[in-house]
Amino acid sequence: MAAMTEHNIYRAYNFILDLGGGTVGYFSQVNFMGINVPYYEYREGGAGPAVRKLPGRVSYSDIELKWGLTESTEMMDWLMSAVKGEVIRKNISIILKDTDGQKEVTRWNVENAFPCSWKGAQLDALSNEAAIETLCITHEGLTRA
């Protein structure tokens, strides 16, 4: 019997976003990484009882970024350019770090991304929670490097 090798399981809490010009910041949550390859069933005449499955057009899920409100306006400036009709597409990366936050363990490269929606922080005078903003980014491709 072959010896089993141990693989490191990466932790989900240490990641950063690179907008192409370096690290933008740390985020509390990134919801993304959906790739859908739909298929179509096709039954060939006379080819037997089997139904063939043919791939359709690939689609990618939007990326949702959540972060604590800070004085930085970089993300909001990017969104506002799209609001003004001047969409700026960027190739961005979401980088997962090791548990110490020192070494990159994997990255996902996102192609032709631009912001498509924003949700402001919930403000509540009776809460001691962090003010969390949400930005949704749409894109045209996702690869793991």
C-alpha atoms as a PDB file:
ATOM      1  CA  MET A   1       0.000   0.000   0.000  1.00  0.00           C
ATOM      2  CA  ALA A   2       1.309   3.464  -0.908  1.00  0.00           C
ATOM      3  CA  ALA A   3       2.062   5.897   1.887  1.00  0.00           C
ATOM      4  CA  MET A   4      -0.388   8.756   2.217  1.00  0.00           C
ATOM      5  CA  THR A   5       1.019  12.251   1.961  1.00  0.00           C
ATOM      6  CA  GLU A   6      -0.258  15.064   4.120  1.00  0.00           C
ATOM      7  CA  HIS A   7      -1.577  18.154   2.367  1.00  0.00           C
ATOM      8  CA  ASN A   8      -1.896  21.481   4.105  1.00  0.00           C
ATOM      9  CA  ILE A   9      -5.440  22.712   4.386  1.00  0.00           C
ATOM     10  CA  TYR A  10      -5.429  26.462   3.923  1.00  0.00           C
ATOM     11  CA  ARG A  11      -7.232  28.638   6.438  1.00  0.00           C
ATOM     12  CA  ALA A  12      -9.904  30.967   5.057  1.00  0.00           C
ATOM     13  CA  TYR A  13      -9.133  34.006   7.204  1.00  0.00           C
ATOM     14  CA  ASN A  14      -5.923  35.488   5.786  1.00  0.00           C
ATOM     15  CA  PHE A  15      -6.395  37.035   2.347  1.00  0.00           C
ATOM     16  CA  ILE A  16      -5.795  40.313   0.527  1.00  0.00           C
ATOM     17  CA  LEU A  17      -6.938  42.008  -2.659  1.00  0.00           C
ATOM     18  CA  ASP A  18      -4.537  43.331  -5.280  1.00  0.00           C
ATOM     19  CA  LEU A  19      -6.109  45.765  -7.761  1.00  0.00           C
ATOM     20  CA  GLY A  20      -3.114  45.583 -10.063  1.00  0.00           C
ATOM     21  CA  GLY A  21      -1.124  48.298  -8.337  1.00  0.00           C
ATOM     22  CA  GLY A  22      -0.421  46.493  -5.091  1.00  0.00           C
ATOM     23  CA  THR A  23      -2.416  45.471  -2.075  1.00  0.00           C
ATOM     24  CA  VAL A  24      -5.578  47.479  -1.496  1.00  0.00           C
ATOM     25  CA  GLY A  25      -6.251  46.099   1.926  1.00  0.00           C
ATOM     26  CA  TYR A  26      -7.593  43.330   4.060  1.00  0.00           C
ATOM     27  CA  PHE A  27     -11.192  42.312   3.840  1.00  0.00           C
ATOM     28  CA  SER A  28     -13.476  40.626   6.314  1.00  0.00           C
ATOM     29  CA  GLN A  29     -15.094  38.459   3.666  1.00  0.00           C
ATOM     30  CA  VAL A  30     -14.820  37.567  -0.017  1.00  0.00           C
ATOM     31  CA  ASN A  31     -17.653  35.589  -1.574  1.00  0.00           C
ATOM     32  CA  PHE A  32     -16.808  34.476  -5.071  1.00  0.00           C
ATOM     33  CA  MET A  33     -15.300  31.789  -7.210  1.00  0.00           C
ATOM     34  CA  GLY A  34     -18.270  30.533  -9.047  1.00  0.00           C
ATOM     35  CA  ILE A  35     -17.789  29.118 -12.517  1.00  0.00           C
ATOM     36  CA  ASN A  36     -20.749  27.621 -14.324  1.00  0.00           C
ATOM     37  CA  VAL A  37     -20.469  25.504 -17.461  1.00  0.00           C
ATOM     38  CA  PRO A  38     -24.055  24.731 -18.487  1.00  0.00           C
ATOM     39  CA  TYR A  39     -24.752  21.792 -20.736  1.00  0.00           C
ATOM     40  CA  TYR A  40     -27.390  20.945 -23.295  1.00  0.00           C
ATOM     41  CA  GLU A  41     -28.810  17.526 -23.849  1.00  0.00           C
ATOM     42  CA  TYR A  42     -28.877  16.345 -27.436  1.00  0.00           C
ATOM     43  CA  ARG A  43     -30.190  13.048 -28.651  1.00  0.00           C
ATOM     44  CA  GLU A  44     -28.719  11.958 -31.947  1.00  0.00           C
ATOM     45  CA  GLY A  45     -31.095  10.221 -34.276  1.00  0.00           C
ATOM     46  CA  GLY A  46     -30.128   6.576 -34.643  1.00  0.00           C
ATOM     47  CA  ALA A  47     -27.149   6.759 -32.258  1.00  0.00           C
ATOM     48  CA  GLY A  48     -28.775   4.598 -29.651  1.00  0.00           C
ATOM     49  CA  PRO A  49     -30.594   5.441 -26.454  1.00  0.00           C
ATOM     50  CA  ALA A  50     -27.834   7.605 -24.982  1.00  0.00           C
ATOM     51  CA  VAL A  51     -28.314  11.338 -24.687  1.00  0.00           C
ATOM     52  CA  ARG A  52     -25.217  13.387 -25.484  1.00  0.00           C
ATOM     53  CA  LYS A  53     -24.327  16.369 -23.338  1.00  0.00           C
ATOM     54  CA  LEU A  54     -22.771  19.385 -25.035  1.00  0.00           C
ATOM     55  CA  PRO A  55     -21.129  22.249 -23.111  1.00  0.00           C
ATOM     56  CA  GLY A  56     -22.657  25.726 -23.297  1.00  0.00           C
ATOM     57  CA  ARG A  57     -21.291  29.187 -22.584  1.00  0.00           C
ATOM     58  CA  VAL A  58     -19.200  29.599 -19.464  1.00  0.00           C
ATOM     59  CA  SER A  59     -20.346  32.190 -16.930  1.00  0.00           C
ATOM     60  CA  TYR A  60     -18.649  33.550 -13.822  1.00  0.00           C
ATOM     61  CA  SER A  61     -20.271  34.584 -10.556  1.00  0.00           C
ATOM     62  CA  ASP A  62     -19.808  38.113  -9.302  1.00  0.00           C
ATOM     63  CA  ILE A  63     -17.354  38.682  -6.460  1.00  0.00           C
ATOM     64  CA  GLU A  64     -18.639  40.222  -3.239  1.00  0.00           C
ATOM     65  CA  LEU A  65     -16.086  42.027  -1.080  1.00  0.00           C
ATOM     66  CA  LYS A  66     -16.815  43.065   2.503  1.00  0.00           C
ATOM     67  CA  TRP A  67     -14.491  45.289   4.493  1.00  0.00           C
ATOM     68  CA  GLY A  68     -14.456  47.571   7.486  1.00  0.00           C
ATOM     69  CA  LEU A  69     -15.013  51.214   6.602  1.00  0.00           C
ATOM     70  CA  THR A  70     -11.759  53.199   6.692  1.00  0.00           C
ATOM     71  CA  GLU A  71     -10.548  56.566   5.423  1.00  0.00           C
ATOM     72  CA  SER A  72      -9.341  54.976   2.165  1.00  0.00           C
ATOM     73  CA  THR A  73     -11.488  55.909  -0.828  1.00  0.00           C
ATOM     74  CA  GLU A  74      -9.819  53.731  -3.467  1.00  0.00           C
ATOM     75  CA  MET A  75     -12.687  51.225  -3.763  1.00  0.00           C
ATOM     76  CA  MET A  76     -15.364  53.940  -3.767  1.00  0.00           C
ATOM     77  CA  ASP A  77     -13.448  55.969  -6.382  1.00  0.00           C
ATOM     78  CA  TRP A  78     -13.366  52.888  -8.640  1.00  0.00           C
ATOM     79  CA  LEU A  79     -17.119  52.440  -8.227  1.00  0.00           C
ATOM     80  CA  MET A  80     -17.868  56.110  -8.835  1.00  0.00           C
ATOM     81  CA  SER A  81     -15.998  56.035 -12.144  1.00  0.00           C
ATOM     82  CA  ALA A  82     -18.474  53.357 -13.290  1.00  0.00           C
ATOM     83  CA  VAL A  83     -21.393  55.427 -11.954  1.00  0.00           C
ATOM     84  CA  LYS A  84     -20.190  58.311 -14.158  1.00  0.00           C
ATOM     85  CA  GLY A  85     -20.119  55.998 -17.199  1.00  0.00           C
ATOM     86  CA  GLU A  86     -16.333  55.644 -17.251  1.00  0.00           C
ATOM     87  CA  VAL A  87     -15.995  51.940 -16.451  1.00  0.00           C
ATOM     88  CA  ILE A  88     -12.406  51.074 -15.562  1.00  0.00           C
ATOM     89  CA  ARG A  89     -11.755  47.370 -16.054  1.00  0.00           C
ATOM     90  CA  LYS A  90      -8.927  45.895 -14.018  1.00  0.00           C
ATOM     91  CA  ASN A  91      -7.164  42.586 -13.757  1.00  0.00           C
ATOM     92  CA  ILE A  92      -7.178  41.905 -10.042  1.00  0.00           C
ATOM     93  CA  SER A  93      -5.969  39.134  -7.738  1.00  0.00           C
ATOM     94  CA  ILE A  94      -7.327  37.672  -4.551  1.00  0.00           C
ATOM     95  CA  ILE A  95      -4.371  36.309  -2.617  1.00  0.00           C
ATOM     96  CA  LEU A  96      -4.581  33.741   0.158  1.00  0.00           C
ATOM     97  CA  LYS A  97      -1.743  33.885   2.700  1.00  0.00           C
ATOM     98  CA  ASP A  98      -0.421  31.254   5.087  1.00  0.00           C
ATOM     99  CA  THR A  99      -1.476  31.261   8.743  1.00  0.00           C
ATOM    100  CA  ASP A 100       1.279  33.741   9.633  1.00  0.00           C
ATOM    101  CA  GLY A 101       0.257  36.088   6.826  1.00  0.00           C
ATOM    102  CA  GLN A 102       3.796  36.109   5.443  1.00  0.00           C
ATOM    103  CA  LYS A 103       3.757  33.763   2.472  1.00  0.00           C
ATOM    104  CA  GLU A 104       1.363  33.595  -0.462  1.00  0.00           C
ATOM    105  CA  VAL A 105      -0.112  30.096  -0.711  1.00  0.00           C
ATOM    106  CA  THR A 106      -2.420  30.618  -3.680  1.00  0.00           C
ATOM    107  CA  ARG A 107      -4.030  33.332  -5.753  1.00  0.00           C
ATOM    108  CA  TRP A 108      -7.017  33.725  -8.002  1.00  0.00           C
ATOM    109  CA  ASN A 109      -6.581  36.073 -10.957  1.00  0.00           C
ATOM    110  CA  VAL A 110      -9.716  37.849 -12.101  1.00  0.00           C
ATOM    111  CA  GLU A 111      -9.909  39.316 -15.608  1.00  0.00           C
ATOM    112  CA  ASN A 112     -11.614  42.511 -16.763  1.00  0.00           C
ATOM    113  CA  ALA A 113     -13.251  43.239 -13.419  1.00  0.00           C
ATOM    114  CA  PHE A 114     -15.289  46.318 -12.587  1.00  0.00           C
ATOM    115  CA  PRO A 115     -17.630  47.258  -9.728  1.00  0.00           C
ATOM    116  CA  CYS A 116     -21.331  46.701 -10.344  1.00  0.00           C
ATOM    117  CA  SER A 117     -22.971  47.424  -6.978  1.00  0.00           C
ATOM    118  CA  TRP A 118     -22.260  48.804  -3.530  1.00  0.00           C
ATOM    119  CA  LYS A 119     -23.969  48.571  -0.173  1.00  0.00           C
ATOM    120  CA  GLY A 120     -23.040  51.016   2.558  1.00  0.00           C
ATOM    121  CA  ALA A 121     -22.329  50.174   6.156  1.00  0.00           C
ATOM    122  CA  GLN A 122     -25.223  49.758   8.570  1.00  0.00           C
ATOM    123  CA  LEU A 123     -24.942  52.474  11.153  1.00  0.00           C
ATOM    124  CA  ASP A 124     -26.480  51.834  14.559  1.00  0.00           C
ATOM    125  CA  ALA A 125     -25.829  53.991  17.617  1.00  0.00           C
ATOM    126  CA  LEU A 126     -26.662  51.056  19.928  1.00  0.00           C
ATOM    127  CA  SER A 127     -24.134  48.670  18.361  1.00  0.00           C
ATOM    128  CA  ASN A 128     -20.414  48.215  18.843  1.00  0.00           C
ATOM    129  CA  GLU A 129     -19.962  46.299  15.565  1.00  0.00           C
ATOM    130  CA  ALA A 130     -17.524  47.433  12.872  1.00  0.00           C
ATOM    131  CA  ALA A 131     -19.010  49.449  10.005  1.00  0.00           C
ATOM    132  CA  ILE A 132     -18.879  46.992   7.064  1.00  0.00           C
ATOM    133  CA  GLU A 133     -19.218  48.061   3.417  1.00  0.00           C
ATOM    134  CA  THR A 134     -19.955  45.653   0.554  1.00  0.00           C
ATOM    135  CA  LEU A 135     -18.815  46.034  -3.057  1.00  0.00           C
ATOM    136  CA  CYS A 136     -19.848  43.632  -5.791  1.00  0.00           C
ATOM    137  CA  ILE A 137     -17.483  43.190  -8.738  1.00  0.00           C
ATOM    138  CA  THR A 138     -18.363  41.547 -12.020  1.00  0.00           C
ATOM    139  CA  HIS A 139     -15.735  40.057 -14.320  1.00  0.00           C
ATOM    140  CA  GLU A 140     -15.025  37.979 -17.420  1.00  0.00           C
ATOM    141  CA  GLY A 141     -12.645  35.289 -16.198  1.00  0.00           C
ATOM    142  CA  LEU A 142     -11.167  33.534 -13.189  1.00  0.00           C
ATOM    143  CA  THR A 143      -8.062  31.372 -12.944  1.00  0.00           C
ATOM    144  CA  ARG A 144      -6.149  29.921 -10.030  1.00  0.00           C
ATOM    145  CA  ALA A 145      -2.433  30.597 -10.265  1.00  0.00           C
END
